[in-house]
């Protein structure tokens, strides 16, 4: 299990280095995950040690929600005080996300108008 953890931490560290020096607008862990995905695609299988670590993390995934829950409870008075603003912000962000997604699909999505592109 230690070897699997070391491999995962190496991918994260490599992602952090790339983020720090080359792509500062992308978080290091995201770059590390993309590098890990590339490694797994090239290898065409998940190594047993990484599979063991991943399975162990997934088995205890509920524990990762505890800090977020504690944060919500800790800041409950502030959340109540700003409930209207939070609700408006969440509503507007959902509407904006749907609008941007639909525009993106309209521009880059498949041609569903029934016209066949004959070449």
PDB file of N, CA and C in Angstrom:
ATOM      1  N   UNK A   1       0.827  -1.190   0.000  1.00  0.00           N
ATOM      2  CA  UNK A   1       0.000   0.000   0.000  1.00  0.00           C
ATOM      3  C   UNK A   1       0.873   1.256   0.000  1.00  0.00           C
ATOM      4  N   UNK A   2       2.007   1.198   0.645  1.00  0.00           N
ATOM      5  CA  UNK A   2       2.912   2.349   0.693  1.00  0.00           C
ATOM      6  C   UNK A   2       3.381   2.710  -0.716  1.00  0.00           C
ATOM      7  N   UNK A   3       3.681   1.704  -1.529  1.00  0.00           N
ATOM      8  CA  UNK A   3       4.137   1.983  -2.896  1.00  0.00           C
ATOM      9  C   UNK A   3       3.059   2.691  -3.704  1.00  0.00           C
ATOM     10  N   UNK A   4       1.818   2.295  -3.538  1.00  0.00           N
ATOM     11  CA  UNK A   4       0.718   2.945  -4.237  1.00  0.00           C
ATOM     12  C   UNK A   4       0.552   4.392  -3.810  1.00  0.00           C
ATOM     13  N   UNK A   5       0.650   4.636  -2.499  1.00  0.00           N
ATOM     14  CA  UNK A   5       0.574   6.005  -2.006  1.00  0.00           C
ATOM     15  C   UNK A   5       1.716   6.859  -2.543  1.00  0.00           C
ATOM     16  N   UNK A   6       2.914   6.290  -2.560  1.00  0.00           N
ATOM     17  CA  UNK A   6       4.065   7.028  -3.073  1.00  0.00           C
ATOM     18  C   UNK A   6       3.858   7.386  -4.541  1.00  0.00           C
ATOM     19  N   UNK A   7       3.335   6.451  -5.326  1.00  0.00           N
ATOM     20  CA  UNK A   7       3.080   6.736  -6.744  1.00  0.00           C
ATOM     21  C   UNK A   7       2.059   7.854  -6.901  1.00  0.00           C
ATOM     22  N   UNK A   8       0.979   7.792  -6.127  1.00  0.00           N
ATOM     23  CA  UNK A   8      -0.034   8.834  -6.221  1.00  0.00           C
ATOM     24  C   UNK A   8       0.518  10.191  -5.793  1.00  0.00           C
ATOM     25  N   UNK A   9       1.312  10.201  -4.730  1.00  0.00           N
ATOM     26  CA  UNK A   9       1.911  11.459  -4.282  1.00  0.00           C
ATOM     27  C   UNK A   9       2.923  11.986  -5.291  1.00  0.00           C
ATOM     28  N   UNK A  10       3.610  11.097  -5.989  1.00  0.00           N
ATOM     29  CA  UNK A  10       4.546  11.546  -7.030  1.00  0.00           C
ATOM     30  C   UNK A  10       3.803  12.219  -8.184  1.00  0.00           C
ATOM     31  N   UNK A  11       2.676  11.655  -8.580  1.00  0.00           N
ATOM     32  CA  UNK A  11       1.885  12.295  -9.631  1.00  0.00           C
ATOM     33  C   UNK A  11       1.371  13.656  -9.165  1.00  0.00           C
ATOM     34  N   UNK A  12       0.939  13.738  -7.909  1.00  0.00           N
ATOM     35  CA  UNK A  12       0.469  15.020  -7.396  1.00  0.00           C
ATOM     36  C   UNK A  12       1.617  16.025  -7.316  1.00  0.00           C
ATOM     37  N   UNK A  13       2.783  15.582  -6.861  1.00  0.00           N
ATOM     38  CA  UNK A  13       3.936  16.481  -6.774  1.00  0.00           C
ATOM     39  C   UNK A  13       4.361  16.967  -8.153  1.00  0.00           C
ATOM     40  N   UNK A  14       4.366  16.063  -9.122  1.00  0.00           N
ATOM     41  CA  UNK A  14       4.705  16.456 -10.487  1.00  0.00           C
ATOM     42  C   UNK A  14       3.687  17.469 -11.019  1.00  0.00           C
ATOM     43  N   UNK A  15       2.426  17.258 -10.716  1.00  0.00           N
ATOM     44  CA  UNK A  15       1.393  18.216 -11.108  1.00  0.00           C
ATOM     45  C   UNK A  15       1.603  19.567 -10.453  1.00  0.00           C
ATOM     46  N   UNK A  16       2.009  19.573  -9.189  1.00  0.00           N
ATOM     47  CA  UNK A  16       2.282  20.832  -8.491  1.00  0.00           C
ATOM     48  C   UNK A  16       3.468  21.570  -9.119  1.00  0.00           C
ATOM     49  N   UNK A  17       4.506  20.832  -9.477  1.00  0.00           N
ATOM     50  CA  UNK A  17       5.681  21.459 -10.111  1.00  0.00           C
ATOM     51  C   UNK A  17       5.292  22.062 -11.458  1.00  0.00           C
ATOM     52  N   UNK A  18       4.547  21.312 -12.253  1.00  0.00           N
ATOM     53  CA  UNK A  18       4.114  21.820 -13.563  1.00  0.00           C
ATOM     54  C   UNK A  18       3.223  23.041 -13.381  1.00  0.00           C
ATOM     55  N   UNK A  19       2.333  22.994 -12.394  1.00  0.00           N
ATOM     56  CA  UNK A  19       1.453  24.121 -12.127  1.00  0.00           C
ATOM     57  C   UNK A  19       2.246  25.347 -11.682  1.00  0.00           C
ATOM     58  N   UNK A  20       3.223  25.136 -10.853  1.00  0.00           N
ATOM     59  CA  UNK A  20       4.006  26.252 -10.305  1.00  0.00           C
ATOM     60  C   UNK A  20       4.817  26.956 -11.388  1.00  0.00           C
ATOM     61  N   UNK A  21       5.431  26.188 -12.289  1.00  0.00           N
ATOM     62  CA  UNK A  21       6.364  26.779 -13.242  1.00  0.00           C
ATOM     63  C   UNK A  21       5.807  26.973 -14.653  1.00  0.00           C
ATOM     64  N   UNK A  22       4.810  26.197 -15.065  1.00  0.00           N
ATOM     65  CA  UNK A  22       4.371  26.259 -16.455  1.00  0.00           C
ATOM     66  C   UNK A  22       2.898  26.638 -16.629  1.00  0.00           C
ATOM     67  N   UNK A  23       2.023  26.120 -15.791  1.00  0.00           N
ATOM     68  CA  UNK A  23       0.579  26.355 -15.934  1.00  0.00           C
ATOM     69  C   UNK A  23      -0.014  26.827 -14.611  1.00  0.00           C
ATOM     70  N   UNK A  24       0.279  28.058 -14.196  1.00  0.00           N
ATOM     71  CA  UNK A  24      -0.172  28.499 -12.869  1.00  0.00           C
ATOM     72  C   UNK A  24      -1.686  28.656 -12.734  1.00  0.00           C
ATOM     73  N   UNK A  25      -2.405  28.664 -13.837  1.00  0.00           N
ATOM     74  CA  UNK A  25      -3.846  28.832 -13.766  1.00  0.00           C
ATOM     75  C   UNK A  25      -4.587  27.512 -13.609  1.00  0.00           C
ATOM     76  N   UNK A  26      -3.868  26.382 -13.637  1.00  0.00           N
ATOM     77  CA  UNK A  26      -4.484  25.068 -13.424  1.00  0.00           C
ATOM     78  C   UNK A  26      -3.936  24.509 -12.110  1.00  0.00           C
ATOM     79  N   UNK A  27      -4.809  24.056 -11.206  1.00  0.00           N
ATOM     80  CA  UNK A  27      -4.331  23.517  -9.926  1.00  0.00           C
ATOM     81  C   UNK A  27      -3.446  22.280 -10.118  1.00  0.00           C
ATOM     82  N   UNK A  28      -2.423  22.163  -9.293  1.00  0.00           N
ATOM     83  CA  UNK A  28      -1.490  21.047  -9.369  1.00  0.00           C
ATOM     84  C   UNK A  28      -2.139  19.681  -9.252  1.00  0.00           C
ATOM     85  N   UNK A  29      -3.075  19.481  -8.307  1.00  0.00           N
ATOM     86  CA  UNK A  29      -3.716  18.170  -8.215  1.00  0.00           C
ATOM     87  C   UNK A  29      -4.481  17.786  -9.483  1.00  0.00           C
ATOM     88  N   UNK A  30      -5.050  18.769 -10.174  1.00  0.00           N
ATOM     89  CA  UNK A  30      -5.754  18.470 -11.422  1.00  0.00           C
ATOM     90  C   UNK A  30      -4.764  17.996 -12.480  1.00  0.00           C
ATOM     91  N   UNK A  31      -3.640  18.675 -12.581  1.00  0.00           N
ATOM     92  CA  UNK A  31      -2.605  18.256 -13.530  1.00  0.00           C
ATOM     93  C   UNK A  31      -2.089  16.869 -13.165  1.00  0.00           C
ATOM     94  N   UNK A  32      -1.893  16.622 -11.864  1.00  0.00           N
ATOM     95  CA  UNK A  32      -1.453  15.307 -11.417  1.00  0.00           C
ATOM     96  C   UNK A  32      -2.440  14.215 -11.781  1.00  0.00           C
ATOM     97  N   UNK A  33      -3.735  14.501 -11.652  1.00  0.00           N
ATOM     98  CA  UNK A  33      -4.750  13.509 -12.025  1.00  0.00           C
ATOM     99  C   UNK A  33      -4.739  13.238 -13.528  1.00  0.00           C
ATOM    100  N   UNK A  34      -4.539  14.286 -14.325  1.00  0.00           N
ATOM    101  CA  UNK A  34      -4.466  14.097 -15.780  1.00  0.00           C
ATOM    102  C   UNK A  34      -3.229  13.263 -16.129  1.00  0.00           C
ATOM    103  N   UNK A  35      -2.116  13.535 -15.462  1.00  0.00           N
ATOM    104  CA  UNK A  35      -0.904  12.732 -15.697  1.00  0.00           C
ATOM    105  C   UNK A  35      -1.129  11.278 -15.284  1.00  0.00           C
ATOM    106  N   UNK A  36      -1.797  11.064 -14.158  1.00  0.00           N
ATOM    107  CA  UNK A  36      -2.113   9.706 -13.723  1.00  0.00           C
ATOM    108  C   UNK A  36      -3.020   9.013 -14.728  1.00  0.00           C
ATOM    109  N   UNK A  37      -4.011   9.732 -15.237  1.00  0.00           N
ATOM    110  CA  UNK A  37      -4.896   9.164 -16.244  1.00  0.00           C
ATOM    111  C   UNK A  37      -4.110   8.776 -17.495  1.00  0.00           C
ATOM    112  N   UNK A  38      -3.209   9.659 -17.934  1.00  0.00           N
ATOM    113  CA  UNK A  38      -2.367   9.326 -19.084  1.00  0.00           C
ATOM    114  C   UNK A  38      -1.516   8.099 -18.834  1.00  0.00           C
ATOM    115  N   UNK A  39      -0.947   8.000 -17.639  1.00  0.00           N
ATOM    116  CA  UNK A  39      -0.142   6.836 -17.266  1.00  0.00           C
ATOM    117  C   UNK A  39      -0.965   5.557 -17.329  1.00  0.00           C
ATOM    118  N   UNK A  40      -2.193   5.623 -16.801  1.00  0.00           N
ATOM    119  CA  UNK A  40      -3.049   4.434 -16.799  1.00  0.00           C
ATOM    120  C   UNK A  40      -3.512   4.065 -18.206  1.00  0.00           C
ATOM    121  N   UNK A  41      -3.736   5.063 -19.051  1.00  0.00           N
ATOM    122  CA  UNK A  41      -4.126   4.778 -20.437  1.00  0.00           C
ATOM    123  C   UNK A  41      -2.982   4.123 -21.193  1.00  0.00           C
ATOM    124  N   UNK A  42      -1.771   4.644 -21.010  1.00  0.00           N
ATOM    125  CA  UNK A  42      -0.610   4.052 -21.684  1.00  0.00           C
ATOM    126  C   UNK A  42      -0.382   2.632 -21.184  1.00  0.00           C
ATOM    127  N   UNK A  43      -0.528   2.438 -19.900  1.00  0.00           N
ATOM    128  CA  UNK A  43      -0.291   1.123 -19.304  1.00  0.00           C
ATOM    129  C   UNK A  43      -1.426   0.139 -19.594  1.00  0.00           C
ATOM    130  N   UNK A  44      -2.620   0.649 -19.835  1.00  0.00           N
ATOM    131  CA  UNK A  44      -3.829  -0.118 -20.137  1.00  0.00           C
ATOM    132  C   UNK A  44      -4.287  -1.028 -19.002  1.00  0.00           C
ATOM    133  N   UNK A  45      -3.824  -0.753 -17.820  1.00  0.00           N
ATOM    134  CA  UNK A  45      -4.315  -1.460 -16.636  1.00  0.00           C
ATOM    135  C   UNK A  45      -3.916  -0.669 -15.401  1.00  0.00           C
ATOM    136  N   UNK A  46      -4.645  -0.902 -14.327  1.00  0.00           N
ATOM    137  CA  UNK A  46      -4.334  -0.237 -13.069  1.00  0.00           C
ATOM    138  C   UNK A  46      -3.398  -1.138 -12.276  1.00  0.00           C
ATOM    139  N   UNK A  47      -2.217  -0.616 -11.899  1.00  0.00           N
ATOM    140  CA  UNK A  47      -1.323  -1.435 -11.078  1.00  0.00           C
ATOM    141  C   UNK A  47      -1.994  -1.834  -9.764  1.00  0.00           C
ATOM    142  N   UNK A  48      -1.635  -2.998  -9.269  1.00  0.00           N
ATOM    143  CA  UNK A  48      -2.279  -3.542  -8.066  1.00  0.00           C
ATOM    144  C   UNK A  48      -2.115  -2.626  -6.855  1.00  0.00           C
ATOM    145  N   UNK A  49      -0.940  -1.998  -6.705  1.00  0.00           N
ATOM    146  CA  UNK A  49      -0.725  -1.144  -5.533  1.00  0.00           C
ATOM    147  C   UNK A  49      -1.576   0.126  -5.598  1.00  0.00           C
ATOM    148  N   UNK A  50      -1.749   0.697  -6.782  1.00  0.00           N
ATOM    149  CA  UNK A  50      -2.607   1.874  -6.920  1.00  0.00           C
ATOM    150  C   UNK A  50      -4.068   1.480  -6.748  1.00  0.00           C
ATOM    151  N   UNK A  51      -4.447   0.305  -7.230  1.00  0.00           N
ATOM    152  CA  UNK A  51      -5.813  -0.191  -7.057  1.00  0.00           C
ATOM    153  C   UNK A  51      -6.133  -0.392  -5.579  1.00  0.00           C
ATOM    154  N   UNK A  52      -5.176  -0.913  -4.824  1.00  0.00           N
ATOM    155  CA  UNK A  52      -5.380  -1.123  -3.391  1.00  0.00           C
ATOM    156  C   UNK A  52      -5.602   0.203  -2.671  1.00  0.00           C
ATOM    157  N   UNK A  53      -4.787   1.204  -2.997  1.00  0.00           N
ATOM    158  CA  UNK A  53      -4.941   2.514  -2.359  1.00  0.00           C
ATOM    159  C   UNK A  53      -6.277   3.141  -2.755  1.00  0.00           C
ATOM    160  N   UNK A  54      -6.613   3.094  -4.045  1.00  0.00           N
ATOM    161  CA  UNK A  54      -7.874   3.659  -4.502  1.00  0.00           C
ATOM    162  C   UNK A  54      -9.076   2.992  -3.861  1.00  0.00           C
ATOM    163  N   UNK A  55      -9.041   1.676  -3.753  1.00  0.00           N
ATOM    164  CA  UNK A  55     -10.140   0.946  -3.118  1.00  0.00           C
ATOM    165  C   UNK A  55     -10.266   1.315  -1.644  1.00  0.00           C
ATOM    166  N   UNK A  56      -9.131   1.476  -0.975  1.00  0.00           N
ATOM    167  CA  UNK A  56      -9.161   1.852   0.442  1.00  0.00           C
ATOM    168  C   UNK A  56      -9.734   3.249   0.627  1.00  0.00           C
ATOM    169  N   UNK A  57      -9.353   4.171  -0.244  1.00  0.00           N
ATOM    170  CA  UNK A  57      -9.876   5.538  -0.147  1.00  0.00           C
ATOM    171  C   UNK A  57     -11.377   5.543  -0.418  1.00  0.00           C
ATOM    172  N   UNK A  58     -11.817   4.801  -1.427  1.00  0.00           N
ATOM    173  CA  UNK A  58     -13.247   4.758  -1.743  1.00  0.00           C
ATOM    174  C   UNK A  58     -14.057   4.127  -0.626  1.00  0.00           C
ATOM    175  N   UNK A  59     -13.467   3.150   0.060  1.00  0.00           N
ATOM    176  CA  UNK A  59     -14.179   2.498   1.161  1.00  0.00           C
ATOM    177  C   UNK A  59     -14.438   3.466   2.314  1.00  0.00           C
ATOM    178  N   UNK A  60     -13.604   4.491   2.445  1.00  0.00           N
ATOM    179  CA  UNK A  60     -13.735   5.448   3.539  1.00  0.00           C
ATOM    180  C   UNK A  60     -14.070   6.845   3.019  1.00  0.00           C
ATOM    181  N   UNK A  61     -14.716   6.926   1.875  1.00  0.00           N
ATOM    182  CA  UNK A  61     -15.012   8.211   1.249  1.00  0.00           C
ATOM    183  C   UNK A  61     -15.909   9.087   2.121  1.00  0.00           C
ATOM    184  N   UNK A  62     -16.793   8.485   2.877  1.00  0.00           N
ATOM    185  CA  UNK A  62     -17.679   9.258   3.741  1.00  0.00           C
ATOM    186  C   UNK A  62     -16.938  10.114   4.752  1.00  0.00           C
ATOM    187  N   UNK A  63     -15.776   9.664   5.184  1.00  0.00           N
ATOM    188  CA  UNK A  63     -14.990  10.443   6.147  1.00  0.00           C
ATOM    189  C   UNK A  63     -14.512  11.765   5.564  1.00  0.00           C
ATOM    190  N   UNK A  64     -14.374  11.832   4.244  1.00  0.00           N
ATOM    191  CA  UNK A  64     -13.896  13.063   3.618  1.00  0.00           C
ATOM    192  C   UNK A  64     -14.944  14.166   3.667  1.00  0.00           C
ATOM    193  N   UNK A  65     -16.210  13.816   3.914  1.00  0.00           N
ATOM    194  CA  UNK A  65     -17.265  14.817   4.001  1.00  0.00           C
ATOM    195  C   UNK A  65     -17.389  15.406   5.400  1.00  0.00           C
ATOM    196  N   UNK A  66     -16.737  14.829   6.385  1.00  0.00           N
ATOM    197  CA  UNK A  66     -16.835  15.318   7.751  1.00  0.00           C
ATOM    198  C   UNK A  66     -16.314  16.748   7.871  1.00  0.00           C
ATOM    199  N   UNK A  67     -15.124  17.095   7.331  1.00  0.00           N
ATOM    200  CA  UNK A  67     -14.663  18.485   7.462  1.00  0.00           C
ATOM    201  C   UNK A  67     -15.616  19.497   6.824  1.00  0.00           C
ATOM    202  N   UNK A  68     -16.198  19.165   5.683  1.00  0.00           N
ATOM    203  CA  UNK A  68     -17.146  20.078   5.046  1.00  0.00           C
ATOM    204  C   UNK A  68     -18.388  20.254   5.914  1.00  0.00           C
ATOM    205  N   UNK A  69     -18.863  19.182   6.507  1.00  0.00           N
ATOM    206  CA  UNK A  69     -20.040  19.263   7.378  1.00  0.00           C
ATOM    207  C   UNK A  69     -19.749  20.096   8.619  1.00  0.00           C
ATOM    208  N   UNK A  70     -18.574  19.920   9.191  1.00  0.00           N
ATOM    209  CA  UNK A  70     -18.190  20.704  10.366  1.00  0.00           C
ATOM    210  C   UNK A  70     -18.103  22.180   9.993  1.00  0.00           C
ATOM    211  N   UNK A  71     -17.575  22.475   8.795  1.00  0.00           N
ATOM    212  CA  UNK A  71     -17.495  23.865   8.345  1.00  0.00           C
ATOM    213  C   UNK A  71     -18.858  24.497   8.198  1.00  0.00           C
ATOM    214  N   UNK A  72     -19.816  23.742   7.677  1.00  0.00           N
ATOM    215  CA  UNK A  72     -21.178  24.272   7.524  1.00  0.00           C
ATOM    216  C   UNK A  72     -21.780  24.558   8.893  1.00  0.00           C
ATOM    217  N   UNK A  73     -21.615  23.634   9.831  1.00  0.00           N
ATOM    218  CA  UNK A  73     -22.171  23.828  11.169  1.00  0.00           C
ATOM    219  C   UNK A  73     -21.464  24.982  11.873  1.00  0.00           C
ATOM    220  N   UNK A  74     -20.165  25.095  11.694  1.00  0.00           N
ATOM    221  CA  UNK A  74     -19.391  26.143  12.349  1.00  0.00           C
ATOM    222  C   UNK A  74     -19.816  27.528  11.876  1.00  0.00           C
ATOM    223  N   UNK A  75     -20.109  27.657  10.586  1.00  0.00           N
ATOM    224  CA  UNK A  75     -20.465  28.957  10.028  1.00  0.00           C
ATOM    225  C   UNK A  75     -21.967  29.109   9.803  1.00  0.00           C
ATOM    226  N   UNK A  76     -22.773  28.337  10.510  1.00  0.00           N
ATOM    227  CA  UNK A  76     -24.222  28.398  10.357  1.00  0.00           C
ATOM    228  C   UNK A  76     -24.791  29.791  10.627  1.00  0.00           C
ATOM    229  N   UNK A  77     -24.319  30.514  11.636  1.00  0.00           N
ATOM    230  CA  UNK A  77     -24.858  31.875  11.839  1.00  0.00           C
ATOM    231  C   UNK A  77     -24.594  32.803  10.639  1.00  0.00           C
ATOM    232  N   UNK A  78     -23.412  32.716  10.050  1.00  0.00           N
ATOM    233  CA  UNK A  78     -23.119  33.545   8.885  1.00  0.00           C
ATOM    234  C   UNK A  78     -23.957  33.116   7.681  1.00  0.00           C
ATOM    235  N   UNK A  79     -24.157  31.808   7.540  1.00  0.00           N
ATOM    236  CA  UNK A  79     -24.983  31.315   6.442  1.00  0.00           C
ATOM    237  C   UNK A  79     -26.420  31.786   6.579  1.00  0.00           C
ATOM    238  N   UNK A  80     -26.939  31.769   7.808  1.00  0.00           N
ATOM    239  CA  UNK A  80     -28.299  32.260   8.036  1.00  0.00           C
ATOM    240  C   UNK A  80     -28.397  33.756   7.756  1.00  0.00           C
ATOM    241  N   UNK A  81     -27.387  34.519   8.162  1.00  0.00           N
ATOM    242  CA  UNK A  81     -27.410  35.967   7.978  1.00  0.00           C
ATOM    243  C   UNK A  81     -27.387  36.347   6.501  1.00  0.00           C
ATOM    244  N   UNK A  82     -26.757  35.545   5.691  1.00  0.00           N
ATOM    245  CA  UNK A  82     -26.613  35.851   4.267  1.00  0.00           C
ATOM    246  C   UNK A  82     -27.377  34.864   3.389  1.00  0.00           C
ATOM    247  N   UNK A  83     -28.451  34.280   3.929  1.00  0.00           N
ATOM    248  CA  UNK A  83     -29.190  33.244   3.200  1.00  0.00           C
ATOM    249  C   UNK A  83     -29.774  33.758   1.893  1.00  0.00           C
ATOM    250  N   UNK A  84     -30.324  34.955   1.881  1.00  0.00           N
ATOM    251  CA  UNK A  84     -30.931  35.491   0.655  1.00  0.00           C
ATOM    252  C   UNK A  84     -29.868  35.685  -0.427  1.00  0.00           C
ATOM    253  N   UNK A  85     -28.734  36.246  -0.061  1.00  0.00           N
ATOM    254  CA  UNK A  85     -27.653  36.440  -1.028  1.00  0.00           C
ATOM    255  C   UNK A  85     -27.101  35.128  -1.549  1.00  0.00           C
ATOM    256  N   UNK A  86     -26.952  34.155  -0.664  1.00  0.00           N
ATOM    257  CA  UNK A  86     -26.471  32.837  -1.080  1.00  0.00           C
ATOM    258  C   UNK A  86     -27.457  32.159  -2.016  1.00  0.00           C
ATOM    259  N   UNK A  87     -28.742  32.239  -1.701  1.00  0.00           N
ATOM    260  CA  UNK A  87     -29.758  31.619  -2.554  1.00  0.00           C
ATOM    261  C   UNK A  87     -29.779  32.279  -3.930  1.00  0.00           C
ATOM    262  N   UNK A  88     -29.685  33.609  -3.957  1.00  0.00           N
ATOM    263  CA  UNK A  88     -29.670  34.319  -5.239  1.00  0.00           C
ATOM    264  C   UNK A  88     -28.425  33.970  -6.049  1.00  0.00           C
ATOM    265  N   UNK A  89     -27.298  33.915  -5.385  1.00  0.00           N
ATOM    266  CA  UNK A  89     -26.052  33.584  -6.075  1.00  0.00           C
ATOM    267  C   UNK A  89     -26.093  32.169  -6.639  1.00  0.00           C
ATOM    268  N   UNK A  90     -26.559  31.218  -5.836  1.00  0.00           N
ATOM    269  CA  UNK A  90     -26.654  29.840  -6.320  1.00  0.00           C
ATOM    270  C   UNK A  90     -27.632  29.715  -7.482  1.00  0.00           C
ATOM    271  N   UNK A  91     -28.761  30.407  -7.387  1.00  0.00           N
ATOM    272  CA  UNK A  91     -29.746  30.359  -8.470  1.00  0.00           C
ATOM    273  C   UNK A  91     -29.172  30.953  -9.757  1.00  0.00           C
ATOM    274  N   UNK A  92     -28.556  32.117  -9.640  1.00  0.00           N
ATOM    275  CA  UNK A  92     -27.967  32.747 -10.830  1.00  0.00           C
ATOM    276  C   UNK A  92     -26.835  31.915 -11.418  1.00  0.00           C
ATOM    277  N   UNK A  93     -26.037  31.287 -10.569  1.00  0.00           N
ATOM    278  CA  UNK A  93     -24.935  30.481 -11.096  1.00  0.00           C
ATOM    279  C   UNK A  93     -25.449  29.237 -11.815  1.00  0.00           C
ATOM    280  N   UNK A  94     -26.531  28.650 -11.326  1.00  0.00           N
ATOM    281  CA  UNK A  94     -27.120  27.489 -12.011  1.00  0.00           C
ATOM    282  C   UNK A  94     -27.681  27.914 -13.363  1.00  0.00           C
ATOM    283  N   UNK A  95     -28.382  29.038 -13.391  1.00  0.00           N
ATOM    284  CA  UNK A  95     -28.931  29.542 -14.661  1.00  0.00           C
ATOM    285  C   UNK A  95     -27.812  29.860 -15.636  1.00  0.00           C
ATOM    286  N   UNK A  96     -26.755  30.516 -15.159  1.00  0.00           N
ATOM    287  CA  UNK A  96     -25.627  30.847 -16.032  1.00  0.00           C
ATOM    288  C   UNK A  96     -24.936  29.586 -16.549  1.00  0.00           C
ATOM    289  N   UNK A  97     -24.792  28.577 -15.706  1.00  0.00           N
ATOM    290  CA  UNK A  97     -24.167  27.330 -16.133  1.00  0.00           C
ATOM    291  C   UNK A  97     -24.988  26.648 -17.215  1.00  0.00           C
ATOM    292  N   UNK A  98     -26.292  26.613 -17.031  1.00  0.00           N
ATOM    293  CA  UNK A  98     -27.164  26.002 -18.045  1.00  0.00           C
ATOM    294  C   UNK A  98     -27.086  26.785 -19.348  1.00  0.00           C
ATOM    295  N   UNK A  99     -27.086  28.117 -19.265  1.00  0.00           N
ATOM    296  CA  UNK A  99     -27.026  28.940 -20.478  1.00  0.00           C
ATOM    297  C   UNK A  99     -25.708  28.750 -21.222  1.00  0.00           C
ATOM    298  N   UNK A 100     -24.606  28.777 -20.501  1.00  0.00           N
ATOM    299  CA  UNK A 100     -23.298  28.612 -21.146  1.00  0.00           C
ATOM    300  C   UNK A 100     -23.177  27.217 -21.744  1.00  0.00           C
ATOM    301  N   UNK A 101     -23.647  26.208 -21.040  1.00  0.00           N
ATOM    302  CA  UNK A 101     -23.593  24.843 -21.560  1.00  0.00           C
ATOM    303  C   UNK A 101     -24.425  24.701 -22.820  1.00  0.00           C
ATOM    304  N   UNK A 102     -25.622  25.282 -22.823  1.00  0.00           N
ATOM    305  CA  UNK A 102     -26.459  25.169 -24.022  1.00  0.00           C
ATOM    306  C   UNK A 102     -25.850  25.916 -25.200  1.00  0.00           C
ATOM    307  N   UNK A 103     -25.266  27.079 -24.953  1.00  0.00           N
ATOM    308  CA  UNK A 103     -24.597  27.801 -26.045  1.00  0.00           C
ATOM    309  C   UNK A 103     -23.395  27.020 -26.568  1.00  0.00           C
ATOM    310  N   UNK A 104     -22.638  26.437 -25.656  1.00  0.00           N
ATOM    311  CA  UNK A 104     -21.479  25.644 -26.052  1.00  0.00           C
ATOM    312  C   UNK A 104     -21.912  24.464 -26.918  1.00  0.00           C
ATOM    313  N   UNK A 105     -22.958  23.770 -26.499  1.00  0.00           N
ATOM    314  CA  UNK A 105     -23.449  22.634 -27.276  1.00  0.00           C
ATOM    315  C   UNK A 105     -24.028  23.073 -28.615  1.00  0.00           C
ATOM    316  N   UNK A 106     -24.658  24.233 -28.632  1.00  0.00           N
ATOM    317  CA  UNK A 106     -25.217  24.728 -29.887  1.00  0.00           C
ATOM    318  C   UNK A 106     -24.100  25.038 -30.882  1.00  0.00           C
ATOM    319  N   UNK A 107     -22.991  25.590 -30.396  1.00  0.00           N
ATOM    320  CA  UNK A 107     -21.875  25.946 -31.282  1.00  0.00           C
ATOM    321  C   UNK A 107     -21.046  24.717 -31.648  1.00  0.00           C
ATOM    322  N   UNK A 108     -20.710  23.898 -30.662  1.00  0.00           N
ATOM    323  CA  UNK A 108     -19.774  22.798 -30.889  1.00  0.00           C
ATOM    324  C   UNK A 108     -20.413  21.418 -30.925  1.00  0.00           C
ATOM    325  N   UNK A 109     -21.702  21.322 -30.634  1.00  0.00           N
ATOM    326  CA  UNK A 109     -22.360  20.028 -30.554  1.00  0.00           C
ATOM    327  C   UNK A 109     -22.654  19.447 -31.926  1.00  0.00           C
ATOM    328  N   UNK A 110     -23.211  18.242 -31.942  1.00  0.00           N
ATOM    329  CA  UNK A 110     -23.538  17.591 -33.212  1.00  0.00           C
ATOM    330  C   UNK A 110     -24.674  18.317 -33.917  1.00  0.00           C
ATOM    331  N   UNK A 111     -24.707  18.166 -35.205  1.00  0.00           N
ATOM    332  CA  UNK A 111     -25.742  18.780 -36.019  1.00  0.00           C
ATOM    333  C   UNK A 111     -27.019  17.965 -35.870  1.00  0.00           C
ATOM    334  N   UNK A 112     -27.999  18.497 -35.146  1.00  0.00           N
ATOM    335  CA  UNK A 112     -29.244  17.769 -34.907  1.00  0.00           C
ATOM    336  C   UNK A 112     -30.417  18.392 -35.650  1.00  0.00           C
ATOM    337  N   UNK A 113     -30.134  19.265 -36.587  1.00  0.00           N
ATOM    338  CA  UNK A 113     -31.230  19.939 -37.310  1.00  0.00           C
ATOM    339  C   UNK A 113     -31.849  19.064 -38.372  1.00  0.00           C
ATOM    340  N   UNK A 114     -31.314  17.899 -38.610  1.00  0.00           N
ATOM    341  CA  UNK A 114     -31.838  17.006 -39.624  1.00  0.00           C
ATOM    342  C   UNK A 114     -31.123  17.134 -40.956  1.00  0.00           C
ATOM    343  N   UNK A 115     -30.340  18.192 -41.121  1.00  0.00           N
ATOM    344  CA  UNK A 115     -29.579  18.353 -42.358  1.00  0.00           C
ATOM    345  C   UNK A 115     -28.390  17.416 -42.318  1.00  0.00           C
ATOM    346  N   UNK A 116     -28.217  16.669 -43.369  1.00  0.00           N
ATOM    347  CA  UNK A 116     -27.083  15.748 -43.471  1.00  0.00           C
ATOM    348  C   UNK A 116     -25.931  16.470 -44.184  1.00  0.00           C
ATOM    349  N   UNK A 117     -24.765  16.362 -43.622  1.00  0.00           N
ATOM    350  CA  UNK A 117     -23.587  16.933 -44.242  1.00  0.00           C
ATOM    351  C   UNK A 117     -23.042  15.894 -45.223  1.00  0.00           C
ATOM    352  N   UNK A 118     -23.276  16.124 -46.507  1.00  0.00           N
ATOM    353  CA  UNK A 118     -22.885  15.157 -47.530  1.00  0.00           C
ATOM    354  C   UNK A 118     -21.534  15.568 -48.088  1.00  0.00           C
ATOM    355  N   UNK A 119     -20.583  14.687 -47.963  1.00  0.00           N
ATOM    356  CA  UNK A 119     -19.249  14.959 -48.515  1.00  0.00           C
ATOM    357  C   UNK A 119     -18.781  13.806 -49.331  1.00  0.00           C
TER     358      UNK A 119
END
